[in-house]
Structures are given as structure tokens and as C-alpha cells.
Amino acid sequence: MSENTTAVKRTVATDNEAKKGLTTQDLILIAVLLAAGAVLKLTVASFLSFAGMKPNFVIAMYCLAIILTRPKLPQSIAIGLIAGIMCQIPMLNATPLVNIPSELLGALACGLLIHVPLKIAGKADINPIFTTFLSTVVSGYTFAIIVGLMNGLALPVIFVTYAVMVFGTATFNAILVQILTPLLRKVLKK
């Protein structure tokens, strides 16, 4: 009987914690990761560019923030909106206002996908790599479609033209986040 009572208390406590939303520690982590993404995009991304593509550290970092903090869906959208607004800094983006919808939709995808349980053999969590890859593809193609349509390109041309850049960036971001997620989870537990 006491085990059942303890389990119920844990469930109620977990439900109450889930209803509270993001903690102050979560907000600080999100801010630090978004700032790190901007700094890395301004510095390291140029050195890692290859064949017209370069890693988008802003997307990788907001995906990492969403994966680690597991916010509610509206909070995920707010994180994407902040990332999109942050990308309006001229040095981060040459196409004003296009990043706002692309980062918003990327964060929305991440916020939805983070709740999908994906484990290999019940142990290895592959959700970060899967979620980041798809979120980057959503963000990248949203960006590409807006820019392509503004330049008068047809949708099939846009999808083919941007495929290497979008999928290359998505692959880099997914690997980076998959590596960083368990490391940061260990640090955050301490």
C-alpha cells in the first residue's frame, strides 16, 4: 500500500512540475545556448563552410535548448521566435525577416518531436539526432521557400537547389546536438 501511495505522490509531483513550465534555470540555459549559437555562427561557421553550406549553430542551439528543457509547445514557439529575432542582427543574416518564420517553424517541429520516444534497444536515445535533423530541415526549407519564391523560382527548383545545403546543415546540426545532449544532461544533473 505504501509503495502505491509513494508512486501516486511521485506522479502527482511530476504532473505538478510539468504544469509549472520553464524554471529560471531553464530560461538561463536557453539564453546561454542561443547566445552561444549566435557567437558560433559569427565565428566558427565560416571556417566550417563547405560546398556552399555551413552549420547553422543557432538552429542547433535552440534545438538543444528545447531537448534539454522540454518546454510546452507555446514555449518552444517563443524560443524559435527569439532565435528568429536574434538572427535579424545584420551580421547573422543577409535576408531580413526570413529567419523569423523559419526559426519559428523549426522550433515548433522540435517542440512537437521532442515528445516522441525514440530509443534503440531501450537504451540509446536517438530522439536528439532525429528531432534536430527534422527541425533543421523544416527551418531550412522554410527559409529556402521564402527566398526562392521572392526570387521567382518554382517549388521543385527550390527543393532541388537547396537540398545539399539543407540536408548537409541538418546532418551537421543533428550530429552536434546528439553529441552535446548527453554531455550537457550530465552537467545539468550536478
C-alpha atoms as a PDB file:
ATOM      1  CA  MET A   1       0.000   0.000   0.000  1.00  0.00           C
ATOM      2  CA  SER A   2       2.785   2.428   0.869  1.00  0.00           C
ATOM      3  CA  GLU A   3       4.514   1.737  -2.480  1.00  0.00           C
ATOM      4  CA  ASN A   4       1.324   2.656  -4.329  1.00  0.00           C
ATOM      5  CA  THR A   5       0.937   5.811  -2.265  1.00  0.00           C
ATOM      6  CA  THR A   6       4.540   6.771  -2.959  1.00  0.00           C
ATOM      7  CA  ALA A   7       4.071   6.124  -6.681  1.00  0.00           C
ATOM      8  CA  VAL A   8       0.920   8.261  -6.720  1.00  0.00           C
ATOM      9  CA  LYS A   9       2.710  11.056  -4.881  1.00  0.00           C
ATOM     10  CA  ARG A  10       5.570  10.893  -7.419  1.00  0.00           C
ATOM     11  CA  THR A  11       3.086  11.006 -10.301  1.00  0.00           C
ATOM     12  CA  VAL A  12       1.275  13.984  -8.793  1.00  0.00           C
ATOM     13  CA  ALA A  13       4.586  15.733  -8.135  1.00  0.00           C
ATOM     14  CA  THR A  14       5.715  15.054 -11.709  1.00  0.00           C
ATOM     15  CA  ASP A  15       2.400  16.349 -13.086  1.00  0.00           C
ATOM     16  CA  ASN A  16       2.638  19.493 -10.945  1.00  0.00           C
ATOM     17  CA  GLU A  17       6.205  20.091 -12.096  1.00  0.00           C
ATOM     18  CA  ALA A  18       5.147  19.686 -15.725  1.00  0.00           C
ATOM     19  CA  LYS A  19       2.374  22.263 -15.288  1.00  0.00           C
ATOM     20  CA  LYS A  20       4.749  24.907 -13.903  1.00  0.00           C
ATOM     21  CA  GLY A  21       6.602  25.355 -17.180  1.00  0.00           C
ATOM     22  CA  LEU A  22      10.154  26.539 -17.540  1.00  0.00           C
ATOM     23  CA  THR A  23      12.218  27.221 -14.447  1.00  0.00           C
ATOM     24  CA  THR A  24      14.653  30.087 -14.004  1.00  0.00           C
ATOM     25  CA  GLN A  25      17.483  27.608 -14.608  1.00  0.00           C
ATOM     26  CA  ASP A  26      15.805  26.556 -17.881  1.00  0.00           C
ATOM     27  CA  LEU A  27      15.489  30.173 -19.032  1.00  0.00           C
ATOM     28  CA  ILE A  28      19.150  30.827 -18.259  1.00  0.00           C
ATOM     29  CA  LEU A  29      20.165  27.687 -20.145  1.00  0.00           C
ATOM     30  CA  ILE A  30      18.067  28.724 -23.166  1.00  0.00           C
ATOM     31  CA  ALA A  31      19.571  32.227 -23.160  1.00  0.00           C
ATOM     32  CA  VAL A  32      23.126  30.895 -22.883  1.00  0.00           C
ATOM     33  CA  LEU A  33      22.597  28.355 -25.663  1.00  0.00           C
ATOM     34  CA  LEU A  34      21.008  30.925 -28.006  1.00  0.00           C
ATOM     35  CA  ALA A  35      23.868  33.353 -27.325  1.00  0.00           C
ATOM     36  CA  ALA A  36      26.406  30.583 -27.918  1.00  0.00           C
ATOM     37  CA  GLY A  37      24.664  29.731 -31.194  1.00  0.00           C
ATOM     38  CA  ALA A  38      24.918  33.345 -32.362  1.00  0.00           C
ATOM     39  CA  VAL A  39      28.594  33.614 -31.413  1.00  0.00           C
ATOM     40  CA  LEU A  40      29.432  30.298 -33.088  1.00  0.00           C
ATOM     41  CA  LYS A  41      27.522  31.322 -36.216  1.00  0.00           C
ATOM     42  CA  LEU A  42      29.502  34.567 -36.375  1.00  0.00           C
ATOM     43  CA  THR A  43      32.874  32.917 -35.794  1.00  0.00           C
ATOM     44  CA  VAL A  44      33.250  29.188 -36.347  1.00  0.00           C
ATOM     45  CA  ALA A  45      30.562  28.633 -39.006  1.00  0.00           C
ATOM     46  CA  SER A  46      32.569  30.409 -41.714  1.00  0.00           C
ATOM     47  CA  PHE A  47      35.555  28.141 -41.110  1.00  0.00           C
ATOM     48  CA  LEU A  48      33.383  25.026 -41.338  1.00  0.00           C
ATOM     49  CA  SER A  49      31.622  26.011 -44.566  1.00  0.00           C
ATOM     50  CA  PHE A  50      31.878  23.556 -47.426  1.00  0.00           C
ATOM     51  CA  ALA A  51      30.220  23.447 -50.866  1.00  0.00           C
ATOM     52  CA  GLY A  52      28.041  26.455 -50.129  1.00  0.00           C
ATOM     53  CA  MET A  53      26.745  25.087 -46.846  1.00  0.00           C
ATOM     54  CA  LYS A  54      27.756  25.878 -43.330  1.00  0.00           C
ATOM     55  CA  PRO A  55      26.457  24.763 -39.976  1.00  0.00           C
ATOM     56  CA  ASN A  56      23.676  26.852 -38.511  1.00  0.00           C
ATOM     57  CA  PHE A  57      24.595  26.930 -34.864  1.00  0.00           C
ATOM     58  CA  VAL A  58      21.516  28.998 -33.967  1.00  0.00           C
ATOM     59  CA  ILE A  59      19.220  26.154 -35.061  1.00  0.00           C
ATOM     60  CA  ALA A  60      21.411  23.566 -33.346  1.00  0.00           C
ATOM     61  CA  MET A  61      21.412  25.522 -30.091  1.00  0.00           C
ATOM     62  CA  TYR A  62      17.677  26.192 -29.945  1.00  0.00           C
ATOM     63  CA  CYS A  63      17.071  22.507 -30.688  1.00  0.00           C
ATOM     64  CA  LEU A  64      19.490  21.622 -27.894  1.00  0.00           C
ATOM     65  CA  ALA A  65      17.713  24.067 -25.556  1.00  0.00           C
ATOM     66  CA  ILE A  66      14.311  22.548 -26.368  1.00  0.00           C
ATOM     67  CA  ILE A  67      15.640  18.999 -25.999  1.00  0.00           C
ATOM     68  CA  LEU A  68      17.180  19.742 -22.601  1.00  0.00           C
ATOM     69  CA  THR A  69      14.363  21.832 -21.113  1.00  0.00           C
ATOM     70  CA  ARG A  70      11.380  20.078 -22.782  1.00  0.00           C
ATOM     71  CA  PRO A  71       9.173  23.184 -22.802  1.00  0.00           C
ATOM     72  CA  LYS A  72       5.486  23.272 -23.607  1.00  0.00           C
ATOM     73  CA  LEU A  73       4.674  23.838 -27.284  1.00  0.00           C
ATOM     74  CA  PRO A  74       3.935  27.595 -26.957  1.00  0.00           C
ATOM     75  CA  GLN A  75       7.238  27.983 -25.102  1.00  0.00           C
ATOM     76  CA  SER A  76       9.045  26.157 -27.924  1.00  0.00           C
ATOM     77  CA  ILE A  77       7.481  28.562 -30.403  1.00  0.00           C
ATOM     78  CA  ALA A  78       8.637  31.501 -28.238  1.00  0.00           C
ATOM     79  CA  ILE A  79      12.192  30.104 -28.277  1.00  0.00           C
ATOM     80  CA  GLY A  80      12.030  29.941 -32.081  1.00  0.00           C
ATOM     81  CA  LEU A  81      10.667  33.476 -32.255  1.00  0.00           C
ATOM     82  CA  ILE A  82      13.509  34.751 -30.069  1.00  0.00           C
ATOM     83  CA  ALA A  83      16.033  32.905 -32.258  1.00  0.00           C
ATOM     84  CA  GLY A  84      14.456  34.370 -35.398  1.00  0.00           C
ATOM     85  CA  ILE A  85      14.500  37.894 -33.982  1.00  0.00           C
ATOM     86  CA  MET A  86      18.073  37.398 -32.837  1.00  0.00           C
ATOM     87  CA  CYS A  87      19.006  36.436 -36.411  1.00  0.00           C
ATOM     88  CA  GLN A  88      17.901  39.876 -37.549  1.00  0.00           C
ATOM     89  CA  ILE A  89      21.261  41.192 -36.385  1.00  0.00           C
ATOM     90  CA  PRO A  90      22.835  42.117 -39.749  1.00  0.00           C
ATOM     91  CA  MET A  91      25.964  40.042 -39.185  1.00  0.00           C
ATOM     92  CA  LEU A  92      23.869  36.913 -38.587  1.00  0.00           C
ATOM     93  CA  ASN A  93      21.616  37.255 -41.620  1.00  0.00           C
ATOM     94  CA  ALA A  94      21.615  38.924 -45.033  1.00  0.00           C
ATOM     95  CA  THR A  95      17.880  38.357 -45.612  1.00  0.00           C
ATOM     96  CA  PRO A  96      15.838  40.392 -43.137  1.00  0.00           C
ATOM     97  CA  LEU A  97      12.698  38.876 -41.614  1.00  0.00           C
ATOM     98  CA  VAL A  98      13.046  35.499 -43.362  1.00  0.00           C
ATOM     99  CA  ASN A  99      14.548  33.857 -40.280  1.00  0.00           C
ATOM    100  CA  ILE A 100      11.563  34.706 -38.093  1.00  0.00           C
ATOM    101  CA  PRO A 101       9.127  32.271 -39.758  1.00  0.00           C
ATOM    102  CA  SER A 102      11.833  29.690 -40.474  1.00  0.00           C
ATOM    103  CA  GLU A 103      13.120  29.542 -36.883  1.00  0.00           C
ATOM    104  CA  LEU A 104       9.585  29.672 -35.523  1.00  0.00           C
ATOM    105  CA  LEU A 105       8.556  26.632 -37.588  1.00  0.00           C
ATOM    106  CA  GLY A 106      11.821  24.829 -36.820  1.00  0.00           C
ATOM    107  CA  ALA A 107      11.272  25.301 -33.088  1.00  0.00           C
ATOM    108  CA  LEU A 108       7.641  24.218 -33.471  1.00  0.00           C
ATOM    109  CA  ALA A 109       8.805  20.997 -35.146  1.00  0.00           C
ATOM    110  CA  CYS A 110      11.369  20.466 -32.396  1.00  0.00           C
ATOM    111  CA  GLY A 111       8.777  21.129 -29.685  1.00  0.00           C
ATOM    112  CA  LEU A 112       6.470  18.524 -31.219  1.00  0.00           C
ATOM    113  CA  LEU A 113       9.108  15.892 -31.952  1.00  0.00           C
ATOM    114  CA  ILE A 114      10.886  16.026 -28.588  1.00  0.00           C
ATOM    115  CA  HIS A 115       7.972  14.149 -27.022  1.00  0.00           C
ATOM    116  CA  VAL A 116       8.319  11.173 -29.393  1.00  0.00           C
ATOM    117  CA  PRO A 117      10.163   8.364 -27.566  1.00  0.00           C
ATOM    118  CA  LEU A 118      12.958   7.023 -29.781  1.00  0.00           C
ATOM    119  CA  LYS A 119      15.357   4.569 -28.175  1.00  0.00           C
ATOM    120  CA  ILE A 120      17.497   1.851 -29.686  1.00  0.00           C
ATOM    121  CA  ALA A 121      17.315  -1.387 -27.691  1.00  0.00           C
ATOM    122  CA  GLY A 122      15.542   0.540 -24.947  1.00  0.00           C
ATOM    123  CA  LYS A 123      18.749   2.374 -24.009  1.00  0.00           C
ATOM    124  CA  ALA A 124      20.285   4.698 -26.603  1.00  0.00           C
ATOM    125  CA  ASP A 125      18.128   7.807 -27.008  1.00  0.00           C
ATOM    126  CA  ILE A 126      18.197   8.848 -30.668  1.00  0.00           C
ATOM    127  CA  ASN A 127      15.492  11.486 -30.292  1.00  0.00           C
ATOM    128  CA  PRO A 128      18.012  14.377 -30.263  1.00  0.00           C
ATOM    129  CA  ILE A 129      19.537  13.404 -33.613  1.00  0.00           C
ATOM    130  CA  PHE A 130      16.139  12.706 -35.197  1.00  0.00           C
ATOM    131  CA  THR A 131      14.468  15.830 -33.789  1.00  0.00           C
ATOM    132  CA  THR A 132      17.332  18.155 -34.669  1.00  0.00           C
ATOM    133  CA  PHE A 133      17.651  16.768 -38.194  1.00  0.00           C
ATOM    134  CA  LEU A 134      13.941  17.199 -38.982  1.00  0.00           C
ATOM    135  CA  SER A 135      13.716  20.585 -37.248  1.00  0.00           C
ATOM    136  CA  THR A 136      16.669  21.856 -39.272  1.00  0.00           C
ATOM    137  CA  VAL A 137      15.087  20.568 -42.490  1.00  0.00           C
ATOM    138  CA  VAL A 138      11.823  22.354 -41.621  1.00  0.00           C
ATOM    139  CA  SER A 139      13.655  25.578 -40.806  1.00  0.00           C
ATOM    140  CA  GLY A 140      15.980  25.324 -43.802  1.00  0.00           C
ATOM    141  CA  TYR A 141      13.282  24.612 -46.340  1.00  0.00           C
ATOM    142  CA  THR A 142      11.005  27.298 -44.905  1.00  0.00           C
ATOM    143  CA  PHE A 143      13.870  29.748 -45.390  1.00  0.00           C
ATOM    144  CA  ALA A 144      14.616  28.381 -48.885  1.00  0.00           C
ATOM    145  CA  ILE A 145      10.978  28.501 -49.999  1.00  0.00           C
ATOM    146  CA  ILE A 146      10.538  32.115 -48.895  1.00  0.00           C
ATOM    147  CA  VAL A 147      13.801  33.251 -50.514  1.00  0.00           C
ATOM    148  CA  GLY A 148      13.189  31.149 -53.635  1.00  0.00           C
ATOM    149  CA  LEU A 149       9.663  32.439 -54.150  1.00  0.00           C
ATOM    150  CA  MET A 150      10.878  36.013 -53.651  1.00  0.00           C
ATOM    151  CA  ASN A 151      13.372  35.352 -56.467  1.00  0.00           C
ATOM    152  CA  GLY A 152      10.712  33.828 -58.729  1.00  0.00           C
ATOM    153  CA  LEU A 153      11.807  30.184 -58.506  1.00  0.00           C
ATOM    154  CA  ALA A 154       9.342  27.303 -58.773  1.00  0.00           C
ATOM    155  CA  LEU A 155       8.951  24.977 -55.775  1.00  0.00           C
ATOM    156  CA  PRO A 156      10.575  21.927 -57.444  1.00  0.00           C
ATOM    157  CA  VAL A 157      13.587  24.079 -58.353  1.00  0.00           C
ATOM    158  CA  ILE A 158      13.795  25.368 -54.781  1.00  0.00           C
ATOM    159  CA  PHE A 159      13.686  21.850 -53.291  1.00  0.00           C
ATOM    160  CA  VAL A 160      16.409  20.562 -55.623  1.00  0.00           C
ATOM    161  CA  THR A 161      18.598  23.678 -55.484  1.00  0.00           C
ATOM    162  CA  TYR A 162      18.673  23.866 -51.694  1.00  0.00           C
ATOM    163  CA  ALA A 163      18.768  20.119 -50.975  1.00  0.00           C
ATOM    164  CA  VAL A 164      22.525  19.864 -50.418  1.00  0.00           C
ATOM    165  CA  MET A 165      22.610  22.919 -48.158  1.00  0.00           C
ATOM    166  CA  VAL A 166      19.525  21.977 -46.135  1.00  0.00           C
ATOM    167  CA  PHE A 167      20.348  18.293 -45.667  1.00  0.00           C
ATOM    168  CA  GLY A 168      24.062  18.988 -45.116  1.00  0.00           C
ATOM    169  CA  THR A 169      23.284  21.554 -42.437  1.00  0.00           C
ATOM    170  CA  ALA A 170      20.681  19.237 -40.898  1.00  0.00           C
ATOM    171  CA  THR A 171      23.203  16.392 -40.729  1.00  0.00           C
ATOM    172  CA  PHE A 172      25.862  18.574 -39.078  1.00  0.00           C
ATOM    173  CA  ASN A 173      23.379  20.035 -36.573  1.00  0.00           C
ATOM    174  CA  ALA A 174      21.938  16.612 -35.721  1.00  0.00           C
ATOM    175  CA  ILE A 175      25.361  15.094 -35.032  1.00  0.00           C
ATOM    176  CA  LEU A 176      26.431  18.110 -32.956  1.00  0.00           C
ATOM    177  CA  VAL A 177      23.282  18.031 -30.828  1.00  0.00           C
ATOM    178  CA  GLN A 178      23.429  14.240 -30.418  1.00  0.00           C
ATOM    179  CA  ILE A 179      26.970  14.612 -29.042  1.00  0.00           C
ATOM    180  CA  LEU A 180      26.186  17.586 -26.784  1.00  0.00           C
ATOM    181  CA  THR A 181      22.878  16.350 -25.324  1.00  0.00           C
ATOM    182  CA  PRO A 182      24.197  13.573 -23.038  1.00  0.00           C
ATOM    183  CA  LEU A 183      27.182  15.705 -22.028  1.00  0.00           C
ATOM    184  CA  LEU A 184      25.026  18.644 -21.004  1.00  0.00           C
ATOM    185  CA  ARG A 185      22.491  16.391 -19.263  1.00  0.00           C
ATOM    186  CA  LYS A 186      25.296  15.075 -17.063  1.00  0.00           C
ATOM    187  CA  VAL A 187      26.491  18.605 -16.292  1.00  0.00           C
ATOM    188  CA  LEU A 188      22.969  19.807 -15.517  1.00  0.00           C
ATOM    189  CA  LYS A 189      22.342  16.903 -13.116  1.00  0.00           C
ATOM    190  CA  LYS A 190      25.297  18.009 -10.979  1.00  0.00           C
END
